[in-house]
């Protein structure tokens, strides 16, 4: 299965740490490399990366990483990287074969989350989102989180940064079918900005957006200096297989 990693944005809140958000180091390893290697551990066999801000620098790094890690990495450059993240999904999905694992470049996950998510596909699902029902998780920034409201069957009823009520938080990892990119295009045609959540809501309204509860597994959105400090402290413990794989392959 392919993985699609969105890595086009500016990342203004991490600008004092790194000129490129995907290349921001955590324990000396760029976020994008951690994401690629976590996807590999979960069973991904090819990675598509949507680039934008500082694309030349990022794409040079990806070419080197592809050689070192032994996996095909396909960069897809977004001309206007200021657009909402759904435009990155549309661009990258054109290069994916069938269903794919969708990840954000600034999110880190225990490898089991991604492996479990890749096994969640079924004919009635257009997309499956990893969610955290721990609304008091101290690692989550409530001002930046994307919230989710689900029904008793685990289907998404609503998703967005401003919805209320909600019962879970979006972890930033998805198992996608080609339906997701089509839904984002549909949302844009209806006058929406083209965010990933816009497309998710289209599928939710059709009963085709499902969730997977990560239970007590660890994940982190590395979006600002506070989260970066937490990543430096916690990642070696929670992502030990990923760091071990790096040590063995390089």
C-alpha atoms as a PDB file:
ATOM      1  CA  UNK A   1       0.000   0.000   0.000  1.00  0.00           C
ATOM      2  CA  UNK A   2       1.093   3.572  -0.664  1.00  0.00           C
ATOM      3  CA  UNK A   3       1.383   6.283   1.968  1.00  0.00           C
ATOM      4  CA  UNK A   4       0.578   9.900   1.093  1.00  0.00           C
ATOM      5  CA  UNK A   5       2.274  12.454   3.339  1.00  0.00           C
ATOM      6  CA  UNK A   6       1.202  16.096   3.220  1.00  0.00           C
ATOM      7  CA  UNK A   7       4.279  18.303   3.602  1.00  0.00           C
ATOM      8  CA  UNK A   8       3.518  21.460   1.611  1.00  0.00           C
ATOM      9  CA  UNK A   9       2.704  24.059   4.277  1.00  0.00           C
ATOM     10  CA  UNK A  10       4.778  26.847   5.779  1.00  0.00           C
ATOM     11  CA  UNK A  11       4.652  25.859   9.458  1.00  0.00           C
ATOM     12  CA  UNK A  12       4.955  29.405  10.817  1.00  0.00           C
ATOM     13  CA  UNK A  13       4.891  28.350  14.473  1.00  0.00           C
ATOM     14  CA  UNK A  14       8.028  26.244  14.000  1.00  0.00           C
ATOM     15  CA  UNK A  15       9.843  28.810  11.851  1.00  0.00           C
ATOM     16  CA  UNK A  16      12.232  29.758  14.673  1.00  0.00           C
ATOM     17  CA  UNK A  17      13.372  26.129  14.867  1.00  0.00           C
ATOM     18  CA  UNK A  18      13.550  25.224  11.187  1.00  0.00           C
ATOM     19  CA  UNK A  19      13.060  26.896   7.802  1.00  0.00           C
ATOM     20  CA  UNK A  20      11.130  23.819   6.665  1.00  0.00           C
ATOM     21  CA  UNK A  21       8.512  22.244   8.911  1.00  0.00           C
ATOM     22  CA  UNK A  22       8.915  18.709   7.476  1.00  0.00           C
ATOM     23  CA  UNK A  23      12.679  18.980   7.988  1.00  0.00           C
ATOM     24  CA  UNK A  24      12.358  20.096  11.606  1.00  0.00           C
ATOM     25  CA  UNK A  25      14.614  17.747  13.590  1.00  0.00           C
ATOM     26  CA  UNK A  26      13.363  15.672  16.509  1.00  0.00           C
ATOM     27  CA  UNK A  27      16.273  14.074  18.340  1.00  0.00           C
ATOM     28  CA  UNK A  28      18.358  14.894  15.281  1.00  0.00           C
ATOM     29  CA  UNK A  29      16.002  13.261  12.757  1.00  0.00           C
ATOM     30  CA  UNK A  30      13.724  15.321  10.463  1.00  0.00           C
ATOM     31  CA  UNK A  31       9.996  14.880  11.011  1.00  0.00           C
ATOM     32  CA  UNK A  32       9.486  13.723   7.430  1.00  0.00           C
ATOM     33  CA  UNK A  33      12.049  10.944   7.844  1.00  0.00           C
ATOM     34  CA  UNK A  34      10.372   9.763  11.033  1.00  0.00           C
ATOM     35  CA  UNK A  35       7.030   9.686   9.197  1.00  0.00           C
ATOM     36  CA  UNK A  36       8.409   7.772   6.220  1.00  0.00           C
ATOM     37  CA  UNK A  37      10.083   5.188   8.419  1.00  0.00           C
ATOM     38  CA  UNK A  38       7.005   4.754  10.597  1.00  0.00           C
ATOM     39  CA  UNK A  39       4.971   4.115   7.457  1.00  0.00           C
ATOM     40  CA  UNK A  40       7.544   1.535   6.362  1.00  0.00           C
ATOM     41  CA  UNK A  41       7.308  -0.259   9.695  1.00  0.00           C
ATOM     42  CA  UNK A  42       3.523  -0.390   9.265  1.00  0.00           C
ATOM     43  CA  UNK A  43       3.940  -2.111   5.896  1.00  0.00           C
ATOM     44  CA  UNK A  44       3.838   0.720   3.344  1.00  0.00           C
ATOM     45  CA  UNK A  45       5.808  -0.048   0.178  1.00  0.00           C
ATOM     46  CA  UNK A  46       5.879   3.390  -1.520  1.00  0.00           C
ATOM     47  CA  UNK A  47       5.544   6.953  -0.242  1.00  0.00           C
ATOM     48  CA  UNK A  48       4.076   9.961  -2.039  1.00  0.00           C
ATOM     49  CA  UNK A  49       5.065  13.322  -0.509  1.00  0.00           C
ATOM     50  CA  UNK A  50       3.274  16.543  -1.466  1.00  0.00           C
ATOM     51  CA  UNK A  51       5.784  19.392  -1.308  1.00  0.00           C
ATOM     52  CA  UNK A  52       5.378  23.165  -1.498  1.00  0.00           C
ATOM     53  CA  UNK A  53       7.181  25.538   0.850  1.00  0.00           C
ATOM     54  CA  UNK A  54      10.962  25.106   0.479  1.00  0.00           C
ATOM     55  CA  UNK A  55      10.205  22.357  -2.052  1.00  0.00           C
ATOM     56  CA  UNK A  56      13.694  22.226  -3.576  1.00  0.00           C
ATOM     57  CA  UNK A  57      15.361  21.626  -0.210  1.00  0.00           C
ATOM     58  CA  UNK A  58      12.769  19.065   0.866  1.00  0.00           C
ATOM     59  CA  UNK A  59      12.868  17.166  -2.416  1.00  0.00           C
ATOM     60  CA  UNK A  60      16.677  16.913  -2.274  1.00  0.00           C
ATOM     61  CA  UNK A  61      16.361  15.426   1.191  1.00  0.00           C
ATOM     62  CA  UNK A  62      13.685  12.975   0.038  1.00  0.00           C
ATOM     63  CA  UNK A  63      15.894  11.755  -2.819  1.00  0.00           C
ATOM     64  CA  UNK A  64      18.660  10.994  -0.334  1.00  0.00           C
ATOM     65  CA  UNK A  65      16.238   9.403   2.135  1.00  0.00           C
ATOM     66  CA  UNK A  66      14.856   7.147  -0.588  1.00  0.00           C
ATOM     67  CA  UNK A  67      18.345   5.755  -1.183  1.00  0.00           C
ATOM     68  CA  UNK A  68      19.177   5.367   2.504  1.00  0.00           C
ATOM     69  CA  UNK A  69      15.860   3.800   3.534  1.00  0.00           C
ATOM     70  CA  UNK A  70      15.421   1.643   0.437  1.00  0.00           C
ATOM     71  CA  UNK A  71      11.914   2.783  -0.464  1.00  0.00           C
ATOM     72  CA  UNK A  72      10.514   4.666  -3.455  1.00  0.00           C
ATOM     73  CA  UNK A  73       9.561   8.227  -2.506  1.00  0.00           C
ATOM     74  CA  UNK A  74       7.638  10.213  -5.113  1.00  0.00           C
ATOM     75  CA  UNK A  75       7.506  14.006  -4.634  1.00  0.00           C
ATOM     76  CA  UNK A  76       4.456  15.853  -5.969  1.00  0.00           C
ATOM     77  CA  UNK A  77       4.952  19.613  -5.945  1.00  0.00           C
ATOM     78  CA  UNK A  78       1.968  21.852  -5.177  1.00  0.00           C
ATOM     79  CA  UNK A  79       2.233  25.123  -7.090  1.00  0.00           C
ATOM     80  CA  UNK A  80       0.131  27.132  -4.623  1.00  0.00           C
ATOM     81  CA  UNK A  81       1.028  25.690  -1.219  1.00  0.00           C
ATOM     82  CA  UNK A  82      -1.027  28.361   0.596  1.00  0.00           C
ATOM     83  CA  UNK A  83      -4.233  26.523  -0.329  1.00  0.00           C
ATOM     84  CA  UNK A  84      -6.085  24.371   2.265  1.00  0.00           C
ATOM     85  CA  UNK A  85      -4.737  20.886   2.869  1.00  0.00           C
ATOM     86  CA  UNK A  86      -7.400  19.148   0.808  1.00  0.00           C
ATOM     87  CA  UNK A  87      -5.689  20.465  -2.320  1.00  0.00           C
ATOM     88  CA  UNK A  88      -2.584  18.524  -1.270  1.00  0.00           C
ATOM     89  CA  UNK A  89      -4.692  15.377  -0.951  1.00  0.00           C
ATOM     90  CA  UNK A  90      -6.114  15.869  -4.441  1.00  0.00           C
ATOM     91  CA  UNK A  91      -2.626  16.381  -5.921  1.00  0.00           C
ATOM     92  CA  UNK A  92      -1.039  13.425  -4.133  1.00  0.00           C
ATOM     93  CA  UNK A  93      -3.922  10.990  -4.594  1.00  0.00           C
ATOM     94  CA  UNK A  94      -3.440  11.097  -8.365  1.00  0.00           C
ATOM     95  CA  UNK A  95      -0.177   9.192  -7.821  1.00  0.00           C
ATOM     96  CA  UNK A  96      -1.536   6.600  -5.380  1.00  0.00           C
ATOM     97  CA  UNK A  97      -2.546   3.107  -6.447  1.00  0.00           C
ATOM     98  CA  UNK A  98      -5.914   2.238  -4.908  1.00  0.00           C
ATOM     99  CA  UNK A  99      -6.364   2.769  -1.172  1.00  0.00           C
ATOM    100  CA  UNK A 100      -3.628   4.636   0.663  1.00  0.00           C
ATOM    101  CA  UNK A 101      -2.489   5.681   4.108  1.00  0.00           C
ATOM    102  CA  UNK A 102      -2.736   9.468   4.540  1.00  0.00           C
ATOM    103  CA  UNK A 103      -0.454  11.160   7.079  1.00  0.00           C
ATOM    104  CA  UNK A 104       0.442  14.691   8.087  1.00  0.00           C
ATOM    105  CA  UNK A 105       4.182  15.437   7.978  1.00  0.00           C
ATOM    106  CA  UNK A 106       4.155  16.967  11.463  1.00  0.00           C
ATOM    107  CA  UNK A 107       2.354  14.092  13.241  1.00  0.00           C
ATOM    108  CA  UNK A 108       4.064  11.186  14.966  1.00  0.00           C
ATOM    109  CA  UNK A 109       2.400   7.889  15.869  1.00  0.00           C
ATOM    110  CA  UNK A 110       3.269   4.678  17.592  1.00  0.00           C
ATOM    111  CA  UNK A 111       3.734   2.264  14.694  1.00  0.00           C
ATOM    112  CA  UNK A 112       0.849   0.061  15.835  1.00  0.00           C
ATOM    113  CA  UNK A 113      -1.621   2.875  15.108  1.00  0.00           C
ATOM    114  CA  UNK A 114      -0.679   2.922  11.442  1.00  0.00           C
ATOM    115  CA  UNK A 115      -0.562  -0.861  11.095  1.00  0.00           C
ATOM    116  CA  UNK A 116      -4.011  -1.203  12.641  1.00  0.00           C
ATOM    117  CA  UNK A 117      -5.391   1.568  10.473  1.00  0.00           C
ATOM    118  CA  UNK A 118      -4.146  -0.065   7.274  1.00  0.00           C
ATOM    119  CA  UNK A 119      -6.238  -3.149   8.136  1.00  0.00           C
ATOM    120  CA  UNK A 120      -9.496  -1.198   8.579  1.00  0.00           C
ATOM    121  CA  UNK A 121     -10.628  -1.105   4.949  1.00  0.00           C
ATOM    122  CA  UNK A 122     -14.023  -2.424   3.847  1.00  0.00           C
ATOM    123  CA  UNK A 123     -16.403  -1.843   0.948  1.00  0.00           C
ATOM    124  CA  UNK A 124     -18.741   0.420   2.934  1.00  0.00           C
ATOM    125  CA  UNK A 125     -15.963   2.825   3.942  1.00  0.00           C
ATOM    126  CA  UNK A 126     -14.802   5.771   1.866  1.00  0.00           C
ATOM    127  CA  UNK A 127     -12.330   6.787   4.581  1.00  0.00           C
ATOM    128  CA  UNK A 128     -11.328   5.688   8.087  1.00  0.00           C
ATOM    129  CA  UNK A 129      -9.844   8.207  10.531  1.00  0.00           C
ATOM    130  CA  UNK A 130      -7.712   7.398  13.567  1.00  0.00           C
ATOM    131  CA  UNK A 131      -9.272   9.164  16.554  1.00  0.00           C
ATOM    132  CA  UNK A 132      -8.394   9.735  20.200  1.00  0.00           C
ATOM    133  CA  UNK A 133     -11.355   9.743  22.616  1.00  0.00           C
ATOM    134  CA  UNK A 134      -9.202  11.079  25.460  1.00  0.00           C
ATOM    135  CA  UNK A 135     -10.531  14.625  25.321  1.00  0.00           C
ATOM    136  CA  UNK A 136      -8.309  15.539  28.265  1.00  0.00           C
ATOM    137  CA  UNK A 137      -5.123  14.224  26.615  1.00  0.00           C
ATOM    138  CA  UNK A 138      -2.505  16.774  27.766  1.00  0.00           C
ATOM    139  CA  UNK A 139      -0.569  16.355  24.509  1.00  0.00           C
ATOM    140  CA  UNK A 140      -3.471  17.770  22.469  1.00  0.00           C
ATOM    141  CA  UNK A 141      -3.616  21.517  21.821  1.00  0.00           C
ATOM    142  CA  UNK A 142      -7.346  22.321  22.102  1.00  0.00           C
ATOM    143  CA  UNK A 143      -6.884  25.594  20.234  1.00  0.00           C
ATOM    144  CA  UNK A 144      -5.528  23.807  17.151  1.00  0.00           C
ATOM    145  CA  UNK A 145      -7.247  20.405  17.289  1.00  0.00           C
ATOM    146  CA  UNK A 146      -9.721  19.111  14.722  1.00  0.00           C
ATOM    147  CA  UNK A 147     -12.668  17.657  16.608  1.00  0.00           C
ATOM    148  CA  UNK A 148     -14.918  14.750  15.647  1.00  0.00           C
ATOM    149  CA  UNK A 149     -18.463  13.756  16.590  1.00  0.00           C
ATOM    150  CA  UNK A 150     -19.322  10.081  16.053  1.00  0.00           C
ATOM    151  CA  UNK A 151     -22.403   7.877  16.253  1.00  0.00           C
ATOM    152  CA  UNK A 152     -22.738   4.583  18.119  1.00  0.00           C
ATOM    153  CA  UNK A 153     -21.362   2.639  15.127  1.00  0.00           C
ATOM    154  CA  UNK A 154     -18.190   4.745  14.933  1.00  0.00           C
ATOM    155  CA  UNK A 155     -19.270   6.686  11.859  1.00  0.00           C
ATOM    156  CA  UNK A 156     -18.330  10.351  11.682  1.00  0.00           C
ATOM    157  CA  UNK A 157     -21.274  12.712  11.980  1.00  0.00           C
ATOM    158  CA  UNK A 158     -19.321  15.976  12.018  1.00  0.00           C
ATOM    159  CA  UNK A 159     -15.685  17.048  11.820  1.00  0.00           C
ATOM    160  CA  UNK A 160     -13.968  20.416  12.121  1.00  0.00           C
ATOM    161  CA  UNK A 161     -12.118  22.817  14.389  1.00  0.00           C
ATOM    162  CA  UNK A 162     -15.242  24.609  15.609  1.00  0.00           C
ATOM    163  CA  UNK A 163     -17.905  21.886  15.857  1.00  0.00           C
ATOM    164  CA  UNK A 164     -19.791  21.260  19.080  1.00  0.00           C
ATOM    165  CA  UNK A 165     -20.484  18.884  20.675  1.00  0.00           C
ATOM    166  CA  UNK A 166     -17.654  16.461  19.942  1.00  0.00           C
ATOM    167  CA  UNK A 167     -16.455  13.174  21.447  1.00  0.00           C
ATOM    168  CA  UNK A 168     -13.016  12.633  19.888  1.00  0.00           C
ATOM    169  CA  UNK A 169     -10.030  14.375  18.339  1.00  0.00           C
ATOM    170  CA  UNK A 170      -8.666  13.780  14.834  1.00  0.00           C
ATOM    171  CA  UNK A 171      -5.182  12.185  15.108  1.00  0.00           C
ATOM    172  CA  UNK A 172      -4.101  13.086  11.563  1.00  0.00           C
ATOM    173  CA  UNK A 173      -3.862   9.562  10.105  1.00  0.00           C
ATOM    174  CA  UNK A 174      -6.395   8.179   7.613  1.00  0.00           C
ATOM    175  CA  UNK A 175      -6.996   5.078   5.531  1.00  0.00           C
ATOM    176  CA  UNK A 176      -8.354   6.543   2.299  1.00  0.00           C
ATOM    177  CA  UNK A 177     -10.049   5.279  -0.815  1.00  0.00           C
ATOM    178  CA  UNK A 178     -10.178   7.308  -4.050  1.00  0.00           C
ATOM    179  CA  UNK A 179     -13.546   8.580  -2.774  1.00  0.00           C
ATOM    180  CA  UNK A 180     -11.835  11.101  -0.489  1.00  0.00           C
ATOM    181  CA  UNK A 181     -10.184  13.163  -3.233  1.00  0.00           C
ATOM    182  CA  UNK A 182     -13.446  13.070  -5.202  1.00  0.00           C
ATOM    183  CA  UNK A 183     -15.325  14.308  -2.122  1.00  0.00           C
ATOM    184  CA  UNK A 184     -12.892  17.206  -1.665  1.00  0.00           C
ATOM    185  CA  UNK A 185     -13.379  18.199  -5.300  1.00  0.00           C
ATOM    186  CA  UNK A 186     -17.135  18.056  -4.745  1.00  0.00           C
ATOM    187  CA  UNK A 187     -16.855  20.286  -1.688  1.00  0.00           C
ATOM    188  CA  UNK A 188     -14.793  22.822  -3.654  1.00  0.00           C
ATOM    189  CA  UNK A 189     -17.387  22.820  -6.440  1.00  0.00           C
ATOM    190  CA  UNK A 190     -20.034  23.568  -3.807  1.00  0.00           C
ATOM    191  CA  UNK A 191     -18.122  26.656  -2.657  1.00  0.00           C
ATOM    192  CA  UNK A 192     -16.021  25.255   0.205  1.00  0.00           C
ATOM    193  CA  UNK A 193     -12.355  26.181   0.607  1.00  0.00           C
ATOM    194  CA  UNK A 194     -11.088  22.666  -0.042  1.00  0.00           C
ATOM    195  CA  UNK A 195      -9.889  21.577   3.365  1.00  0.00           C
ATOM    196  CA  UNK A 196      -9.469  17.903   4.157  1.00  0.00           C
ATOM    197  CA  UNK A 197     -12.298  18.263   6.684  1.00  0.00           C
ATOM    198  CA  UNK A 198     -14.589  19.574   3.921  1.00  0.00           C
ATOM    199  CA  UNK A 199     -14.140  16.332   2.002  1.00  0.00           C
ATOM    200  CA  UNK A 200     -14.473  14.254   5.144  1.00  0.00           C
ATOM    201  CA  UNK A 201     -17.802  15.924   5.882  1.00  0.00           C
ATOM    202  CA  UNK A 202     -19.095  15.075   2.402  1.00  0.00           C
ATOM    203  CA  UNK A 203     -18.342  11.394   3.057  1.00  0.00           C
ATOM    204  CA  UNK A 204     -19.712  11.640   6.595  1.00  0.00           C
ATOM    205  CA  UNK A 205     -23.020  12.940   5.261  1.00  0.00           C
ATOM    206  CA  UNK A 206     -23.204   9.788   3.120  1.00  0.00           C
ATOM    207  CA  UNK A 207     -22.401   7.477   6.028  1.00  0.00           C
ATOM    208  CA  UNK A 208     -19.038   6.523   4.492  1.00  0.00           C
ATOM    209  CA  UNK A 209     -16.625   8.150   6.960  1.00  0.00           C
ATOM    210  CA  UNK A 210     -15.636   5.809   9.799  1.00  0.00           C
ATOM    211  CA  UNK A 211     -13.247   5.951  12.733  1.00  0.00           C
ATOM    212  CA  UNK A 212     -10.688   3.755  14.474  1.00  0.00           C
ATOM    213  CA  UNK A 213     -10.157   4.429  18.180  1.00  0.00           C
ATOM    214  CA  UNK A 214      -6.444   4.400  19.043  1.00  0.00           C
ATOM    215  CA  UNK A 215      -7.298   3.606  22.684  1.00  0.00           C
ATOM    216  CA  UNK A 216      -4.290   4.498  24.864  1.00  0.00           C
ATOM    217  CA  UNK A 217      -1.676   4.613  22.083  1.00  0.00           C
ATOM    218  CA  UNK A 218       0.735   7.574  21.807  1.00  0.00           C
ATOM    219  CA  UNK A 219       0.651  10.236  19.117  1.00  0.00           C
ATOM    220  CA  UNK A 220       1.717  13.866  18.876  1.00  0.00           C
ATOM    221  CA  UNK A 221       1.100  16.797  16.542  1.00  0.00           C
ATOM    222  CA  UNK A 222       4.429  18.652  16.412  1.00  0.00           C
ATOM    223  CA  UNK A 223       3.023  22.042  15.471  1.00  0.00           C
ATOM    224  CA  UNK A 224       4.685  24.553  17.806  1.00  0.00           C
ATOM    225  CA  UNK A 225       7.708  24.906  20.124  1.00  0.00           C
ATOM    226  CA  UNK A 226       5.859  23.365  23.091  1.00  0.00           C
ATOM    227  CA  UNK A 227       4.965  20.249  21.091  1.00  0.00           C
ATOM    228  CA  UNK A 228       8.488  20.107  19.673  1.00  0.00           C
ATOM    229  CA  UNK A 229       9.945  20.060  23.185  1.00  0.00           C
ATOM    230  CA  UNK A 230       7.556  17.233  24.108  1.00  0.00           C
ATOM    231  CA  UNK A 231       8.605  15.327  20.986  1.00  0.00           C
ATOM    232  CA  UNK A 232      12.286  15.650  21.856  1.00  0.00           C
ATOM    233  CA  UNK A 233      11.531  14.251  25.310  1.00  0.00           C
ATOM    234  CA  UNK A 234       9.048  11.495  24.448  1.00  0.00           C
ATOM    235  CA  UNK A 235       9.702  10.275  20.910  1.00  0.00           C
ATOM    236  CA  UNK A 236      12.698   8.031  21.706  1.00  0.00           C
ATOM    237  CA  UNK A 237      10.565   6.096  24.180  1.00  0.00           C
ATOM    238  CA  UNK A 238       7.355   5.815  22.174  1.00  0.00           C
ATOM    239  CA  UNK A 239       8.955   5.397  18.746  1.00  0.00           C
ATOM    240  CA  UNK A 240      11.754   3.065  19.766  1.00  0.00           C
ATOM    241  CA  UNK A 241      11.205   0.657  16.816  1.00  0.00           C
ATOM    242  CA  UNK A 242      11.396   3.561  14.365  1.00  0.00           C
ATOM    243  CA  UNK A 243      14.655   4.880  15.811  1.00  0.00           C
ATOM    244  CA  UNK A 244      16.052   1.341  15.992  1.00  0.00           C
ATOM    245  CA  UNK A 245      15.235   0.792  12.323  1.00  0.00           C
ATOM    246  CA  UNK A 246      17.069   4.012  11.434  1.00  0.00           C
ATOM    247  CA  UNK A 247      20.122   2.900  13.363  1.00  0.00           C
ATOM    248  CA  UNK A 248      20.100  -0.451  11.568  1.00  0.00           C
ATOM    249  CA  UNK A 249      19.581   0.827   8.017  1.00  0.00           C
ATOM    250  CA  UNK A 250      21.833   3.882   7.848  1.00  0.00           C
END
